[in-house]
Amino acid sequence: MANFLDDLFKKLFKPSENTPMKVKENFVIQEEDQKDLDEWMESAECQRFFDLIFRNYHFKRTQINERPQVHIMQSPYANGFAVTYDEPFDFQSFSRIFLAFSRRILALGYHQVSLDRKFEEINEQVKVTEKFYFKPPLQVPKEGELISQLFGNVALEKVSIDNQPSYIKCLATVYSDRLYQDAGSFDQLLDGIFKKNNNG
């Protein structure tokens, strides 16, 4: 955070440099936020939001847009979805949903590689991206066996513009390496994230 403030002050007092701010830092979820999340993930509100996003994802696949809107990304090697900040979310519930997604991904057997926060100045706005990055656990395969990649690498992001939440994005990128088994389908990953019994 100190680097971010230093860069901000430099920009304020040396505007002639005209260089857009760009700062990246690692961070951790505070213990009190972890405890809050534990309780919230057991609540009816949490399940209602998960059900709503999952429903709207399937609506989107049939070209129906419902609020909050869900966007779908599909390609041979990367698949994902994004959910926009809209009613019935508020600032707190949107942040909790982001963290709850991370818990559900870990519950599928993933290893968290990093959690970072990036500040960027874009067109006189400040974009903040909080990002989890997950990989399948490291394995030493038995001779003649391929390594499990689960559903590939998973990136989970929450983006805010000028301190206003914008969207959460989840993207799975599969390995095409011959050392790995085929990845599980993205639909299976979604089922794993959205099923209540995987709330860790």
C-alpha atoms as a PDB file:
ATOM      1  CA  MET A   1       0.000   0.000   0.000  1.00  0.00           C
ATOM      2  CA  ALA A   2       2.929   2.341   0.741  1.00  0.00           C
ATOM      3  CA  ASN A   3       4.144   2.089  -2.874  1.00  0.00           C
ATOM      4  CA  PHE A   4       0.671   2.949  -4.120  1.00  0.00           C
ATOM      5  CA  LEU A   5       0.556   6.078  -1.912  1.00  0.00           C
ATOM      6  CA  ASP A   6       4.095   7.075  -2.925  1.00  0.00           C
ATOM      7  CA  ASP A   7       3.173   6.848  -6.600  1.00  0.00           C
ATOM      8  CA  LEU A   8      -0.029   8.779  -5.997  1.00  0.00           C
ATOM      9  CA  PHE A   9       1.812  11.623  -4.231  1.00  0.00           C
ATOM     10  CA  LYS A  10       4.436  11.741  -6.981  1.00  0.00           C
ATOM     11  CA  LYS A  11       1.677  12.094  -9.544  1.00  0.00           C
ATOM     12  CA  LEU A  12      -0.051  14.841  -7.565  1.00  0.00           C
ATOM     13  CA  PHE A  13       3.092  16.896  -7.079  1.00  0.00           C
ATOM     14  CA  LYS A  14       4.715  16.180 -10.469  1.00  0.00           C
ATOM     15  CA  PRO A  15       1.796  16.236 -12.925  1.00  0.00           C
ATOM     16  CA  SER A  16       4.127  17.109 -15.806  1.00  0.00           C
ATOM     17  CA  GLU A  17       5.420  13.529 -15.870  1.00  0.00           C
ATOM     18  CA  ASN A  18       1.990  12.464 -17.144  1.00  0.00           C
ATOM     19  CA  THR A  19       2.654   8.768 -16.549  1.00  0.00           C
ATOM     20  CA  PRO A  20      -0.371   6.646 -15.606  1.00  0.00           C
ATOM     21  CA  MET A  21      -0.134   5.034 -12.195  1.00  0.00           C
ATOM     22  CA  LYS A  22       0.326   1.243 -12.088  1.00  0.00           C
ATOM     23  CA  VAL A  23       1.069  -0.566  -8.827  1.00  0.00           C
ATOM     24  CA  LYS A  24       0.794  -4.237  -7.856  1.00  0.00           C
ATOM     25  CA  GLU A  25       1.031  -5.710  -4.355  1.00  0.00           C
ATOM     26  CA  ASN A  26       0.425  -9.016  -2.603  1.00  0.00           C
ATOM     27  CA  PHE A  27      -2.018  -9.080   0.286  1.00  0.00           C
ATOM     28  CA  VAL A  28      -3.754 -11.494   2.659  1.00  0.00           C
ATOM     29  CA  ILE A  29      -7.332 -11.782   3.877  1.00  0.00           C
ATOM     30  CA  GLN A  30      -7.514 -10.606   7.494  1.00  0.00           C
ATOM     31  CA  GLU A  31      -8.479 -13.131  10.179  1.00  0.00           C
ATOM     32  CA  GLU A  32     -11.657 -11.253  11.131  1.00  0.00           C
ATOM     33  CA  ASP A  33     -12.744 -11.280   7.461  1.00  0.00           C
ATOM     34  CA  GLN A  34     -12.073 -15.028   7.318  1.00  0.00           C
ATOM     35  CA  LYS A  35     -14.273 -15.577  10.375  1.00  0.00           C
ATOM     36  CA  ASP A  36     -17.011 -13.357   8.920  1.00  0.00           C
ATOM     37  CA  LEU A  37     -16.840 -15.394   5.708  1.00  0.00           C
ATOM     38  CA  ASP A  38     -17.087 -18.701   7.607  1.00  0.00           C
ATOM     39  CA  GLU A  39     -20.367 -17.578   9.162  1.00  0.00           C
ATOM     40  CA  TRP A  40     -21.745 -15.974   6.017  1.00  0.00           C
ATOM     41  CA  MET A  41     -21.103 -19.061   3.874  1.00  0.00           C
ATOM     42  CA  GLU A  42     -23.457 -20.996   6.153  1.00  0.00           C
ATOM     43  CA  SER A  43     -26.224 -18.415   5.701  1.00  0.00           C
ATOM     44  CA  ALA A  44     -29.346 -18.520   3.559  1.00  0.00           C
ATOM     45  CA  GLU A  45     -28.243 -15.231   1.958  1.00  0.00           C
ATOM     46  CA  CYS A  46     -25.028 -16.803   0.668  1.00  0.00           C
ATOM     47  CA  GLN A  47     -26.875 -19.724  -0.888  1.00  0.00           C
ATOM     48  CA  ARG A  48     -29.474 -17.378  -2.392  1.00  0.00           C
ATOM     49  CA  PHE A  49     -26.728 -15.376  -4.144  1.00  0.00           C
ATOM     50  CA  PHE A  50     -24.987 -18.519  -5.394  1.00  0.00           C
ATOM     51  CA  ASP A  51     -28.292 -19.861  -6.735  1.00  0.00           C
ATOM     52  CA  LEU A  52     -29.047 -16.528  -8.408  1.00  0.00           C
ATOM     53  CA  ILE A  53     -25.693 -16.328 -10.198  1.00  0.00           C
ATOM     54  CA  PHE A  54     -25.878 -19.981 -11.288  1.00  0.00           C
ATOM     55  CA  ARG A  55     -29.430 -19.494 -12.589  1.00  0.00           C
ATOM     56  CA  ASN A  56     -28.474 -16.351 -14.507  1.00  0.00           C
ATOM     57  CA  TYR A  57     -25.456 -18.144 -15.997  1.00  0.00           C
ATOM     58  CA  HIS A  58     -27.772 -20.779 -17.459  1.00  0.00           C
ATOM     59  CA  PHE A  59     -30.222 -18.094 -18.607  1.00  0.00           C
ATOM     60  CA  LYS A  60     -27.353 -16.367 -20.429  1.00  0.00           C
ATOM     61  CA  ARG A  61     -26.552 -19.583 -22.273  1.00  0.00           C
ATOM     62  CA  THR A  62     -30.062 -19.370 -23.776  1.00  0.00           C
ATOM     63  CA  GLN A  63     -29.611 -15.644 -24.623  1.00  0.00           C
ATOM     64  CA  ILE A  64     -31.720 -14.422 -21.699  1.00  0.00           C
ATOM     65  CA  ASN A  65     -30.265 -11.546 -19.666  1.00  0.00           C
ATOM     66  CA  GLU A  66     -31.313 -11.288 -16.025  1.00  0.00           C
ATOM     67  CA  ARG A  67     -29.982  -9.048 -13.244  1.00  0.00           C
ATOM     68  CA  PRO A  68     -27.304  -9.337 -12.075  1.00  0.00           C
ATOM     69  CA  GLN A  69     -26.035 -10.033 -15.581  1.00  0.00           C
ATOM     70  CA  VAL A  70     -23.646 -12.924 -16.156  1.00  0.00           C
ATOM     71  CA  HIS A  71     -21.228 -12.956 -19.098  1.00  0.00           C
ATOM     72  CA  ILE A  72     -19.783 -16.142 -20.593  1.00  0.00           C
ATOM     73  CA  MET A  73     -16.302 -16.624 -22.072  1.00  0.00           C
ATOM     74  CA  GLN A  74     -15.626 -19.701 -24.212  1.00  0.00           C
ATOM     75  CA  SER A  75     -12.621 -20.887 -26.217  1.00  0.00           C
ATOM     76  CA  PRO A  76     -10.841 -24.222 -26.756  1.00  0.00           C
ATOM     77  CA  TYR A  77      -8.335 -23.560 -23.947  1.00  0.00           C
ATOM     78  CA  ALA A  78     -10.038 -21.059 -21.640  1.00  0.00           C
ATOM     79  CA  ASN A  79     -13.572 -20.806 -20.309  1.00  0.00           C
ATOM     80  CA  GLY A  80     -15.088 -18.512 -17.752  1.00  0.00           C
ATOM     81  CA  PHE A  81     -17.869 -16.316 -16.543  1.00  0.00           C
ATOM     82  CA  ALA A  82     -18.214 -12.839 -15.088  1.00  0.00           C
ATOM     83  CA  VAL A  83     -20.990 -11.447 -12.915  1.00  0.00           C
ATOM     84  CA  THR A  84     -21.626  -7.708 -12.847  1.00  0.00           C
ATOM     85  CA  TYR A  85     -22.206  -5.652  -9.721  1.00  0.00           C
ATOM     86  CA  ASP A  86     -25.934  -4.971  -9.640  1.00  0.00           C
ATOM     87  CA  GLU A  87     -28.984  -5.481  -7.441  1.00  0.00           C
ATOM     88  CA  PRO A  88     -29.434  -7.360  -5.172  1.00  0.00           C
ATOM     89  CA  PHE A  89     -25.704  -7.120  -4.312  1.00  0.00           C
ATOM     90  CA  ASP A  90     -24.281  -4.451  -2.092  1.00  0.00           C
ATOM     91  CA  PHE A  91     -20.617  -3.609  -1.478  1.00  0.00           C
ATOM     92  CA  GLN A  92     -20.251  -6.126   1.353  1.00  0.00           C
ATOM     93  CA  SER A  93     -22.112  -9.046  -0.231  1.00  0.00           C
ATOM     94  CA  PHE A  94     -20.189  -8.652  -3.510  1.00  0.00           C
ATOM     95  CA  SER A  95     -16.884  -8.823  -1.639  1.00  0.00           C
ATOM     96  CA  ARG A  96     -18.099 -11.856   0.297  1.00  0.00           C
ATOM     97  CA  ILE A  97     -19.178 -13.618  -2.911  1.00  0.00           C
ATOM     98  CA  PHE A  98     -15.676 -13.085  -4.333  1.00  0.00           C
ATOM     99  CA  LEU A  99     -14.070 -14.632  -1.246  1.00  0.00           C
ATOM    100  CA  ALA A 100     -16.664 -17.419  -1.130  1.00  0.00           C
ATOM    101  CA  PHE A 101     -15.815 -18.375  -4.720  1.00  0.00           C
ATOM    102  CA  SER A 102     -12.171 -18.682  -3.652  1.00  0.00           C
ATOM    103  CA  ARG A 103     -13.140 -21.027  -0.802  1.00  0.00           C
ATOM    104  CA  ARG A 104     -15.186 -23.233  -3.100  1.00  0.00           C
ATOM    105  CA  ILE A 105     -12.304 -23.467  -5.598  1.00  0.00           C
ATOM    106  CA  LEU A 106      -9.930 -24.521  -2.805  1.00  0.00           C
ATOM    107  CA  ALA A 107     -12.483 -27.142  -1.721  1.00  0.00           C
ATOM    108  CA  LEU A 108     -12.156 -28.742  -5.170  1.00  0.00           C
ATOM    109  CA  GLY A 109      -8.515 -29.592  -4.425  1.00  0.00           C
ATOM    110  CA  TYR A 110      -6.781 -26.488  -5.775  1.00  0.00           C
ATOM    111  CA  HIS A 111      -3.707 -24.802  -4.331  1.00  0.00           C
ATOM    112  CA  GLN A 112      -3.709 -20.999  -3.988  1.00  0.00           C
ATOM    113  CA  VAL A 113      -0.574 -19.683  -5.703  1.00  0.00           C
ATOM    114  CA  SER A 114      -1.112 -15.970  -5.145  1.00  0.00           C
ATOM    115  CA  LEU A 115      -3.450 -13.202  -4.056  1.00  0.00           C
ATOM    116  CA  ASP A 116      -2.597  -9.750  -5.288  1.00  0.00           C
ATOM    117  CA  ARG A 117      -4.086  -6.331  -5.828  1.00  0.00           C
ATOM    118  CA  LYS A 118      -3.320  -4.118  -8.829  1.00  0.00           C
ATOM    119  CA  PHE A 119      -3.990  -0.375  -9.020  1.00  0.00           C
ATOM    120  CA  GLU A 120      -4.111   1.207 -12.490  1.00  0.00           C
ATOM    121  CA  GLU A 121      -4.980   4.686 -13.634  1.00  0.00           C
ATOM    122  CA  ILE A 122      -7.044   4.449 -16.828  1.00  0.00           C
ATOM    123  CA  ASN A 123      -8.619   7.555 -18.384  1.00  0.00           C
ATOM    124  CA  GLU A 124      -8.446   9.462 -15.099  1.00  0.00           C
ATOM    125  CA  GLN A 125     -10.147   6.608 -13.243  1.00  0.00           C
ATOM    126  CA  VAL A 126      -8.523   4.229 -10.781  1.00  0.00           C
ATOM    127  CA  LYS A 127      -9.100   0.547 -11.567  1.00  0.00           C
ATOM    128  CA  VAL A 128      -8.385  -1.891  -8.737  1.00  0.00           C
ATOM    129  CA  THR A 129      -8.147  -5.607  -9.542  1.00  0.00           C
ATOM    130  CA  GLU A 130      -7.982  -8.144  -6.711  1.00  0.00           C
ATOM    131  CA  LYS A 131      -6.884 -11.517  -8.069  1.00  0.00           C
ATOM    132  CA  PHE A 132      -6.587 -15.058  -6.736  1.00  0.00           C
ATOM    133  CA  TYR A 133      -4.586 -17.515  -8.825  1.00  0.00           C
ATOM    134  CA  PHE A 134      -5.064 -21.260  -8.288  1.00  0.00           C
ATOM    135  CA  LYS A 135      -3.242 -24.302  -9.664  1.00  0.00           C
ATOM    136  CA  PRO A 136      -3.820 -28.028  -9.287  1.00  0.00           C
ATOM    137  CA  PRO A 137      -1.673 -29.472  -6.471  1.00  0.00           C
ATOM    138  CA  LEU A 138       1.861 -30.519  -7.409  1.00  0.00           C
ATOM    139  CA  GLN A 139       2.039 -34.245  -8.071  1.00  0.00           C
ATOM    140  CA  VAL A 140       4.726 -36.751  -8.908  1.00  0.00           C
ATOM    141  CA  PRO A 141       2.985 -39.085 -11.361  1.00  0.00           C
ATOM    142  CA  LYS A 142       3.507 -42.821 -11.230  1.00  0.00           C
ATOM    143  CA  GLU A 143       5.340 -44.264 -14.189  1.00  0.00           C
ATOM    144  CA  GLY A 144       3.089 -44.419 -17.218  1.00  0.00           C
ATOM    145  CA  GLU A 145       0.407 -42.222 -15.632  1.00  0.00           C
ATOM    146  CA  LEU A 146      -0.578 -38.709 -16.623  1.00  0.00           C
ATOM    147  CA  ILE A 147      -0.824 -35.812 -14.159  1.00  0.00           C
ATOM    148  CA  SER A 148      -4.277 -34.586 -13.132  1.00  0.00           C
ATOM    149  CA  GLN A 149      -4.865 -30.929 -13.991  1.00  0.00           C
ATOM    150  CA  LEU A 150      -8.346 -30.898 -12.408  1.00  0.00           C
ATOM    151  CA  PHE A 151     -10.010 -28.152 -14.521  1.00  0.00           C
ATOM    152  CA  GLY A 152      -6.766 -26.347 -15.462  1.00  0.00           C
ATOM    153  CA  ASN A 153      -5.441 -23.205 -13.796  1.00  0.00           C
ATOM    154  CA  VAL A 154      -8.106 -20.915 -12.340  1.00  0.00           C
ATOM    155  CA  ALA A 155      -7.928 -17.123 -12.028  1.00  0.00           C
ATOM    156  CA  LEU A 156     -10.521 -15.304  -9.926  1.00  0.00           C
ATOM    157  CA  GLU A 157     -10.738 -11.503 -10.093  1.00  0.00           C
ATOM    158  CA  LYS A 158     -12.803  -8.732  -8.529  1.00  0.00           C
ATOM    159  CA  VAL A 159     -12.600  -5.399 -10.350  1.00  0.00           C
ATOM    160  CA  SER A 160     -13.559  -1.997  -8.951  1.00  0.00           C
ATOM    161  CA  ILE A 161     -13.522   1.384 -10.695  1.00  0.00           C
ATOM    162  CA  ASP A 162     -13.049   4.468  -8.495  1.00  0.00           C
ATOM    163  CA  ASN A 163     -13.856   2.374  -5.425  1.00  0.00           C
ATOM    164  CA  GLN A 164     -17.132   1.149  -6.946  1.00  0.00           C
ATOM    165  CA  PRO A 165     -17.420  -2.631  -7.533  1.00  0.00           C
ATOM    166  CA  SER A 166     -17.718  -3.507 -11.233  1.00  0.00           C
ATOM    167  CA  TYR A 167     -17.552  -7.279 -11.776  1.00  0.00           C
ATOM    168  CA  ILE A 168     -16.172 -10.633 -10.608  1.00  0.00           C
ATOM    169  CA  LYS A 169     -14.574 -12.892 -13.204  1.00  0.00           C
ATOM    170  CA  CYS A 170     -13.600 -16.572 -12.986  1.00  0.00           C
ATOM    171  CA  LEU A 171     -11.473 -18.039 -15.796  1.00  0.00           C
ATOM    172  CA  ALA A 172     -10.171 -21.606 -16.161  1.00  0.00           C
ATOM    173  CA  THR A 173      -7.249 -22.196 -18.554  1.00  0.00           C
ATOM    174  CA  VAL A 174      -6.431 -25.801 -19.443  1.00  0.00           C
ATOM    175  CA  TYR A 175      -3.032 -27.369 -20.069  1.00  0.00           C
ATOM    176  CA  SER A 176      -2.479 -28.796 -23.539  1.00  0.00           C
ATOM    177  CA  ASP A 177       0.730 -30.554 -22.430  1.00  0.00           C
ATOM    178  CA  ARG A 178       0.841 -34.302 -23.137  1.00  0.00           C
ATOM    179  CA  LEU A 179       2.021 -34.931 -19.552  1.00  0.00           C
ATOM    180  CA  TYR A 180      -1.440 -34.039 -18.278  1.00  0.00           C
ATOM    181  CA  GLN A 181      -4.783 -35.777 -18.310  1.00  0.00           C
ATOM    182  CA  ASP A 182      -7.585 -33.985 -20.107  1.00  0.00           C
ATOM    183  CA  ALA A 183      -9.123 -31.289 -17.942  1.00  0.00           C
ATOM    184  CA  GLY A 184     -12.548 -31.773 -16.427  1.00  0.00           C
ATOM    185  CA  SER A 185     -15.286 -29.848 -18.208  1.00  0.00           C
ATOM    186  CA  PHE A 186     -16.067 -26.255 -17.289  1.00  0.00           C
ATOM    187  CA  ASP A 187     -19.611 -27.331 -16.438  1.00  0.00           C
ATOM    188  CA  GLN A 188     -18.152 -29.713 -13.833  1.00  0.00           C
ATOM    189  CA  LEU A 189     -16.080 -26.855 -12.403  1.00  0.00           C
ATOM    190  CA  LEU A 190     -19.193 -24.696 -12.162  1.00  0.00           C
ATOM    191  CA  ASP A 191     -21.107 -27.488 -10.431  1.00  0.00           C
ATOM    192  CA  GLY A 192     -18.243 -27.777  -7.948  1.00  0.00           C
ATOM    193  CA  ILE A 193     -18.208 -24.060  -7.224  1.00  0.00           C
ATOM    194  CA  PHE A 194     -21.955 -23.638  -6.904  1.00  0.00           C
ATOM    195  CA  LYS A 195     -22.939 -26.804  -5.022  1.00  0.00           C
ATOM    196  CA  LYS A 196     -23.688 -26.134  -1.368  1.00  0.00           C
ATOM    197  CA  ASN A 197     -21.763 -29.180  -0.106  1.00  0.00           C
ATOM    198  CA  ASN A 198     -18.494 -27.674  -1.365  1.00  0.00           C
ATOM    199  CA  ASN A 199     -18.530 -24.607   0.853  1.00  0.00           C
ATOM    200  CA  GLY A 200     -15.476 -25.763   2.784  1.00  0.00           C
END
